[in-house]
Amino acid sequence: AQGITGQCFFVWGGSINVLRPWESGELFASENGWDADDFLAQLLERFPDGASPETMVEQMGKAGGRSMRVG
């Protein structure tokens, strides 16, 4: 496995998912840096309906993960 490096795995019972790295996402840039109120205003402008990550279950479903039943 010398050529396979830097990978992260989610192991559950007989299933193994190779996890993907985070992506850089939205960029907020300012020539003069940020003050908290200005940054909040930009966040609210870009995400008027809010923003939250998917749950682990949603992410596992997309990755093809499945839970193992016992019994």
PDB file of N, CA and C in Angstrom:
ATOM      1  N   ALA A   1       0.825  -1.199   0.000  1.00  0.00           N
ATOM      2  CA  ALA A   1       0.000   0.000   0.000  1.00  0.00           C
ATOM      3  C   ALA A   1       0.865   1.257   0.000  1.00  0.00           C
ATOM      4  N   GLN A   2       2.106   1.136  -0.422  1.00  0.00           N
ATOM      5  CA  GLN A   2       3.028   2.264  -0.408  1.00  0.00           C
ATOM      6  C   GLN A   2       2.487   3.452  -1.199  1.00  0.00           C
ATOM      7  N   GLY A   3       1.755   3.194  -2.275  1.00  0.00           N
ATOM      8  CA  GLY A   3       1.226   4.270  -3.104  1.00  0.00           C
ATOM      9  C   GLY A   3      -0.085   4.841  -2.602  1.00  0.00           C
ATOM     10  N   ILE A   4      -0.632   4.277  -1.529  1.00  0.00           N
ATOM     11  CA  ILE A   4      -1.877   4.783  -0.944  1.00  0.00           C
ATOM     12  C   ILE A   4      -1.523   5.436   0.375  1.00  0.00           C
ATOM     13  N   THR A   5      -1.644   6.750   0.437  1.00  0.00           N
ATOM     14  CA  THR A   5      -1.236   7.474   1.629  1.00  0.00           C
ATOM     15  C   THR A   5      -2.165   8.656   1.881  1.00  0.00           C
ATOM     16  N   GLY A   6      -2.264   9.076   3.116  1.00  0.00           N
ATOM     17  CA  GLY A   6      -3.054  10.247   3.463  1.00  0.00           C
ATOM     18  C   GLY A   6      -4.551  10.032   3.371  1.00  0.00           C
ATOM     19  N   GLN A   7      -4.987   8.795   3.395  1.00  0.00           N
ATOM     20  CA  GLN A   7      -6.407   8.498   3.279  1.00  0.00           C
ATOM     21  C   GLN A   7      -7.028   8.317   4.660  1.00  0.00           C
ATOM     22  N   CYS A   8      -8.318   8.591   4.739  1.00  0.00           N
ATOM     23  CA  CYS A   8      -9.061   8.415   5.984  1.00  0.00           C
ATOM     24  C   CYS A   8     -10.224   7.474   5.691  1.00  0.00           C
ATOM     25  N   PHE A   9     -10.424   6.486   6.558  1.00  0.00           N
ATOM     26  CA  PHE A   9     -11.451   5.478   6.345  1.00  0.00           C
ATOM     27  C   PHE A   9     -12.477   5.512   7.469  1.00  0.00           C
ATOM     28  N   PHE A  10     -13.742   5.259   7.121  1.00  0.00           N
ATOM     29  CA  PHE A  10     -14.802   5.086   8.105  1.00  0.00           C
ATOM     30  C   PHE A  10     -15.182   3.615   8.048  1.00  0.00           C
ATOM     31  N   VAL A  11     -14.945   2.902   9.145  1.00  0.00           N
ATOM     32  CA  VAL A  11     -15.175   1.464   9.195  1.00  0.00           C
ATOM     33  C   VAL A  11     -16.334   1.178  10.129  1.00  0.00           C
ATOM     34  N   TRP A  12     -17.323   0.429   9.628  1.00  0.00           N
ATOM     35  CA  TRP A  12     -18.489   0.072  10.430  1.00  0.00           C
ATOM     36  C   TRP A  12     -18.888  -1.335  10.033  1.00  0.00           C
ATOM     37  N   GLY A  13     -18.669  -2.300  10.927  1.00  0.00           N
ATOM     38  CA  GLY A  13     -19.002  -3.686  10.609  1.00  0.00           C
ATOM     39  C   GLY A  13     -18.244  -4.141   9.377  1.00  0.00           C
ATOM     40  N   GLY A  14     -18.977  -4.628   8.370  1.00  0.00           N
ATOM     41  CA  GLY A  14     -18.354  -5.104   7.140  1.00  0.00           C
ATOM     42  C   GLY A  14     -18.227  -4.050   6.057  1.00  0.00           C
ATOM     43  N   SER A  15     -18.499  -2.793   6.385  1.00  0.00           N
ATOM     44  CA  SER A  15     -18.429  -1.719   5.388  1.00  0.00           C
ATOM     45  C   SER A  15     -17.264  -0.781   5.677  1.00  0.00           C
ATOM     46  N   ILE A  16     -16.591  -0.354   4.625  1.00  0.00           N
ATOM     47  CA  ILE A  16     -15.501   0.621   4.746  1.00  0.00           C
ATOM     48  C   ILE A  16     -15.720   1.696   3.688  1.00  0.00           C
ATOM     49  N   ASN A  17     -15.760   2.943   4.125  1.00  0.00           N
ATOM     50  CA  ASN A  17     -15.830   4.071   3.200  1.00  0.00           C
ATOM     51  C   ASN A  17     -14.481   4.774   3.192  1.00  0.00           C
ATOM     52  N   VAL A  18     -13.999   5.132   1.992  1.00  0.00           N
ATOM     53  CA  VAL A  18     -12.834   6.002   1.873  1.00  0.00           C
ATOM     54  C   VAL A  18     -13.401   7.419   1.895  1.00  0.00           C
ATOM     55  N   LEU A  19     -13.064   8.188   2.929  1.00  0.00           N
ATOM     56  CA  LEU A  19     -13.629   9.516   3.098  1.00  0.00           C
ATOM     57  C   LEU A  19     -12.924  10.524   2.212  1.00  0.00           C
ATOM     58  N   ARG A  20     -13.655  11.526   1.792  1.00  0.00           N
ATOM     59  CA  ARG A  20     -13.097  12.584   0.958  1.00  0.00           C
ATOM     60  C   ARG A  20     -12.689  13.759   1.836  1.00  0.00           C
ATOM     61  N   PRO A  21     -11.650  14.477   1.425  1.00  0.00           N
ATOM     62  CA  PRO A  21     -11.231  15.638   2.221  1.00  0.00           C
ATOM     63  C   PRO A  21     -12.225  16.776   2.082  1.00  0.00           C
ATOM     64  N   TRP A  22     -12.168  17.670   3.050  1.00  0.00           N
ATOM     65  CA  TRP A  22     -12.988  18.869   2.983  1.00  0.00           C
ATOM     66  C   TRP A  22     -12.565  19.673   1.775  1.00  0.00           C
ATOM     67  N   GLU A  23     -13.453  20.510   1.298  1.00  0.00           N
ATOM     68  CA  GLU A  23     -13.093  21.421   0.216  1.00  0.00           C
ATOM     69  C   GLU A  23     -13.008  22.838   0.764  1.00  0.00           C
ATOM     70  N   SER A  24     -12.382  23.713   0.020  1.00  0.00           N
ATOM     71  CA  SER A  24     -12.131  25.060   0.533  1.00  0.00           C
ATOM     72  C   SER A  24     -13.397  25.892   0.694  1.00  0.00           C
ATOM     73  N   GLY A  25     -14.436  25.636  -0.085  1.00  0.00           N
ATOM     74  CA  GLY A  25     -15.709  26.329   0.090  1.00  0.00           C
ATOM     75  C   GLY A  25     -15.672  27.798  -0.295  1.00  0.00           C
ATOM     76  N   GLU A  26     -16.567  28.580   0.318  1.00  0.00           N
ATOM     77  CA  GLU A  26     -16.719  30.010   0.013  1.00  0.00           C
ATOM     78  C   GLU A  26     -15.493  30.812   0.432  1.00  0.00           C
ATOM     79  N   LEU A  27     -15.146  31.797  -0.380  1.00  0.00           N
ATOM     80  CA  LEU A  27     -14.042  32.701  -0.049  1.00  0.00           C
ATOM     81  C   LEU A  27     -14.605  34.070   0.291  1.00  0.00           C
ATOM     82  N   PHE A  28     -14.217  34.599   1.421  1.00  0.00           N
ATOM     83  CA  PHE A  28     -14.540  35.963   1.821  1.00  0.00           C
ATOM     84  C   PHE A  28     -13.213  36.711   1.848  1.00  0.00           C
ATOM     85  N   ALA A  29     -13.060  37.708   0.986  1.00  0.00           N
ATOM     86  CA  ALA A  29     -11.790  38.428   0.894  1.00  0.00           C
ATOM     87  C   ALA A  29     -12.009  39.912   1.168  1.00  0.00           C
ATOM     88  N   SER A  30     -11.064  40.508   1.873  1.00  0.00           N
ATOM     89  CA  SER A  30     -11.113  41.937   2.171  1.00  0.00           C
ATOM     90  C   SER A  30      -9.691  42.475   2.166  1.00  0.00           C
ATOM     91  N   GLU A  31      -9.492  43.572   1.491  1.00  0.00           N
ATOM     92  CA  GLU A  31      -8.164  44.190   1.433  1.00  0.00           C
ATOM     93  C   GLU A  31      -7.675  44.622   2.817  1.00  0.00           C
ATOM     94  N   ASN A  32      -8.597  45.000   3.690  1.00  0.00           N
ATOM     95  CA  ASN A  32      -8.236  45.571   4.991  1.00  0.00           C
ATOM     96  C   ASN A  32      -8.523  44.650   6.173  1.00  0.00           C
ATOM     97  N   GLY A  33      -8.724  43.368   5.921  1.00  0.00           N
ATOM     98  CA  GLY A  33      -9.072  42.461   7.014  1.00  0.00           C
ATOM     99  C   GLY A  33     -10.558  42.564   7.336  1.00  0.00           C
ATOM    100  N   TRP A  34     -10.967  41.888   8.406  1.00  0.00           N
ATOM    101  CA  TRP A  34     -12.384  41.827   8.744  1.00  0.00           C
ATOM    102  C   TRP A  34     -12.624  42.265  10.172  1.00  0.00           C
ATOM    103  N   ASP A  35     -13.707  42.972  10.357  1.00  0.00           N
ATOM    104  CA  ASP A  35     -14.202  43.208  11.710  1.00  0.00           C
ATOM    105  C   ASP A  35     -15.433  42.310  11.835  1.00  0.00           C
ATOM    106  N   ALA A  36     -15.752  41.884  13.022  1.00  0.00           N
ATOM    107  CA  ALA A  36     -16.793  40.873  13.244  1.00  0.00           C
ATOM    108  C   ALA A  36     -18.136  41.283  12.643  1.00  0.00           C
ATOM    109  N   ASP A  37     -18.533  42.539  12.796  1.00  0.00           N
ATOM    110  CA  ASP A  37     -19.828  42.984  12.272  1.00  0.00           C
ATOM    111  C   ASP A  37     -19.860  42.957  10.747  1.00  0.00           C
ATOM    112  N   ASP A  38     -18.764  43.359  10.112  1.00  0.00           N
ATOM    113  CA  ASP A  38     -18.698  43.328   8.648  1.00  0.00           C
ATOM    114  C   ASP A  38     -18.738  41.891   8.129  1.00  0.00           C
ATOM    115  N   PHE A  39     -18.023  41.011   8.823  1.00  0.00           N
ATOM    116  CA  PHE A  39     -18.018  39.608   8.404  1.00  0.00           C
ATOM    117  C   PHE A  39     -19.406  38.997   8.569  1.00  0.00           C
ATOM    118  N   LEU A  40     -20.072  39.290   9.681  1.00  0.00           N
ATOM    119  CA  LEU A  40     -21.434  38.786   9.892  1.00  0.00           C
ATOM    120  C   LEU A  40     -22.362  39.291   8.792  1.00  0.00           C
ATOM    121  N   ALA A  41     -22.244  40.552   8.426  1.00  0.00           N
ATOM    122  CA  ALA A  41     -23.083  41.101   7.359  1.00  0.00           C
ATOM    123  C   ALA A  41     -22.860  40.345   6.048  1.00  0.00           C
ATOM    124  N   GLN A  42     -21.604  40.036   5.743  1.00  0.00           N
ATOM    125  CA  GLN A  42     -21.292  39.282   4.527  1.00  0.00           C
ATOM    126  C   GLN A  42     -21.853  37.860   4.594  1.00  0.00           C
ATOM    127  N   LEU A  43     -21.735  37.224   5.759  1.00  0.00           N
ATOM    128  CA  LEU A  43     -22.294  35.876   5.928  1.00  0.00           C
ATOM    129  C   LEU A  43     -23.798  35.878   5.689  1.00  0.00           C
ATOM    130  N   LEU A  44     -24.496  36.834   6.287  1.00  0.00           N
ATOM    131  CA  LEU A  44     -25.951  36.902   6.148  1.00  0.00           C
ATOM    132  C   LEU A  44     -26.366  37.216   4.713  1.00  0.00           C
ATOM    133  N   GLU A  45     -25.552  38.000   4.013  1.00  0.00           N
ATOM    134  CA  GLU A  45     -25.846  38.309   2.613  1.00  0.00           C
ATOM    135  C   GLU A  45     -25.675  37.079   1.732  1.00  0.00           C
ATOM    136  N   ARG A  46     -24.608  36.317   1.977  1.00  0.00           N
ATOM    137  CA  ARG A  46     -24.327  35.146   1.150  1.00  0.00           C
ATOM    138  C   ARG A  46     -25.179  33.942   1.497  1.00  0.00           C
ATOM    139  N   PHE A  47     -25.568  33.848   2.760  1.00  0.00           N
ATOM    140  CA  PHE A  47     -26.364  32.701   3.204  1.00  0.00           C
ATOM    141  C   PHE A  47     -27.650  33.190   3.864  1.00  0.00           C
ATOM    142  N   PRO A  48     -28.555  33.817   3.098  1.00  0.00           N
ATOM    143  CA  PRO A  48     -29.757  34.398   3.697  1.00  0.00           C
ATOM    144  C   PRO A  48     -30.652  33.361   4.378  1.00  0.00           C
ATOM    145  N   ASP A  49     -30.584  32.110   3.937  1.00  0.00           N
ATOM    146  CA  ASP A  49     -31.397  31.055   4.541  1.00  0.00           C
ATOM    147  C   ASP A  49     -30.614  30.236   5.559  1.00  0.00           C
ATOM    148  N   GLY A  50     -29.423  30.701   5.926  1.00  0.00           N
ATOM    149  CA  GLY A  50     -28.578  29.967   6.866  1.00  0.00           C
ATOM    150  C   GLY A  50     -27.714  28.952   6.135  1.00  0.00           C
ATOM    151  N   ALA A  51     -26.845  28.305   6.875  1.00  0.00           N
ATOM    152  CA  ALA A  51     -25.955  27.289   6.313  1.00  0.00           C
ATOM    153  C   ALA A  51     -25.575  26.325   7.422  1.00  0.00           C
ATOM    154  N   SER A  52     -25.622  25.042   7.118  1.00  0.00           N
ATOM    155  CA  SER A  52     -25.182  24.029   8.078  1.00  0.00           C
ATOM    156  C   SER A  52     -24.713  22.809   7.299  1.00  0.00           C
ATOM    157  N   PRO A  53     -23.767  22.073   7.859  1.00  0.00           N
ATOM    158  CA  PRO A  53     -23.273  20.885   7.165  1.00  0.00           C
ATOM    159  C   PRO A  53     -24.309  19.768   7.193  1.00  0.00           C
ATOM    160  N   GLU A  54     -24.172  18.845   6.261  1.00  0.00           N
ATOM    161  CA  GLU A  54     -25.024  17.663   6.279  1.00  0.00           C
ATOM    162  C   GLU A  54     -24.702  16.836   7.518  1.00  0.00           C
ATOM    163  N   THR A  55     -25.667  16.053   7.945  1.00  0.00           N
ATOM    164  CA  THR A  55     -25.414  15.158   9.071  1.00  0.00           C
ATOM    165  C   THR A  55     -24.535  14.005   8.608  1.00  0.00           C
ATOM    166  N   MET A  56     -23.944  13.296   9.547  1.00  0.00           N
ATOM    167  CA  MET A  56     -23.093  12.156   9.203  1.00  0.00           C
ATOM    168  C   MET A  56     -23.898  11.108   8.435  1.00  0.00           C
ATOM    169  N   VAL A  57     -25.146  10.884   8.829  1.00  0.00           N
ATOM    170  CA  VAL A  57     -25.978   9.884   8.152  1.00  0.00           C
ATOM    171  C   VAL A  57     -26.206  10.288   6.694  1.00  0.00           C
ATOM    172  N   GLU A  58     -26.490  11.577   6.440  1.00  0.00           N
ATOM    173  CA  GLU A  58     -26.668  12.048   5.065  1.00  0.00           C
ATOM    174  C   GLU A  58     -25.390  11.862   4.257  1.00  0.00           C
ATOM    175  N   GLN A  59     -24.253  12.179   4.847  1.00  0.00           N
ATOM    176  CA  GLN A  59     -22.977  12.039   4.153  1.00  0.00           C
ATOM    177  C   GLN A  59     -22.666  10.575   3.872  1.00  0.00           C
ATOM    178  N   MET A  60     -22.942   9.704   4.832  1.00  0.00           N
ATOM    179  CA  MET A  60     -22.692   8.270   4.626  1.00  0.00           C
ATOM    180  C   MET A  60     -23.572   7.725   3.510  1.00  0.00           C
ATOM    181  N   GLY A  61     -24.826   8.189   3.460  1.00  0.00           N
ATOM    182  CA  GLY A  61     -25.734   7.744   2.407  1.00  0.00           C
ATOM    183  C   GLY A  61     -25.207   8.092   1.026  1.00  0.00           C
ATOM    184  N   LYS A  62     -24.677   9.300   0.872  1.00  0.00           N
ATOM    185  CA  LYS A  62     -24.105   9.714  -0.409  1.00  0.00           C
ATOM    186  C   LYS A  62     -22.876   8.890  -0.759  1.00  0.00           C
ATOM    187  N   ALA A  63     -22.112   8.498   0.259  1.00  0.00           N
ATOM    188  CA  ALA A  63     -20.880   7.742   0.031  1.00  0.00           C
ATOM    189  C   ALA A  63     -21.155   6.257  -0.173  1.00  0.00           C
ATOM    190  N   GLY A  64     -22.409   5.847  -0.031  1.00  0.00           N
ATOM    191  CA  GLY A  64     -22.746   4.444  -0.206  1.00  0.00           C
ATOM    192  C   GLY A  64     -22.618   3.641   1.067  1.00  0.00           C
ATOM    193  N   GLY A  65     -22.413   4.322   2.186  1.00  0.00           N
ATOM    194  CA  GLY A  65     -22.296   3.627   3.468  1.00  0.00           C
ATOM    195  C   GLY A  65     -23.620   3.016   3.881  1.00  0.00           C
ATOM    196  N   ARG A  66     -23.545   1.990   4.662  1.00  0.00           N
ATOM    197  CA  ARG A  66     -24.764   1.365   5.171  1.00  0.00           C
ATOM    198  C   ARG A  66     -24.480   0.823   6.549  1.00  0.00           C
ATOM    199  N   SER A  67     -25.493   0.786   7.359  1.00  0.00           N
ATOM    200  CA  SER A  67     -25.300   0.261   8.705  1.00  0.00           C
ATOM    201  C   SER A  67     -25.491  -1.249   8.688  1.00  0.00           C
ATOM    202  N   MET A  68     -24.874  -1.906   9.626  1.00  0.00           N
ATOM    203  CA  MET A  68     -24.979  -3.355   9.726  1.00  0.00           C
ATOM    204  C   MET A  68     -26.049  -3.702  10.748  1.00  0.00           C
ATOM    205  N   ARG A  69     -26.908  -4.635  10.411  1.00  0.00           N
ATOM    206  CA  ARG A  69     -27.930  -5.078  11.356  1.00  0.00           C
ATOM    207  C   ARG A  69     -27.397  -6.245  12.164  1.00  0.00           C
ATOM    208  N   VAL A  70     -27.696  -6.216  13.442  1.00  0.00           N
ATOM    209  CA  VAL A  70     -27.263  -7.298  14.321  1.00  0.00           C
ATOM    210  C   VAL A  70     -28.466  -8.180  14.601  1.00  0.00           C
ATOM    211  N   GLY A  71     -28.262  -9.508  14.514  1.00  0.00           N
ATOM    212  CA  GLY A  71     -29.310 -10.427  14.925  1.00  0.00           C
ATOM    213  C   GLY A  71     -30.100 -10.931  13.830  1.00  0.00           C
TER     214      GLY A  71
END
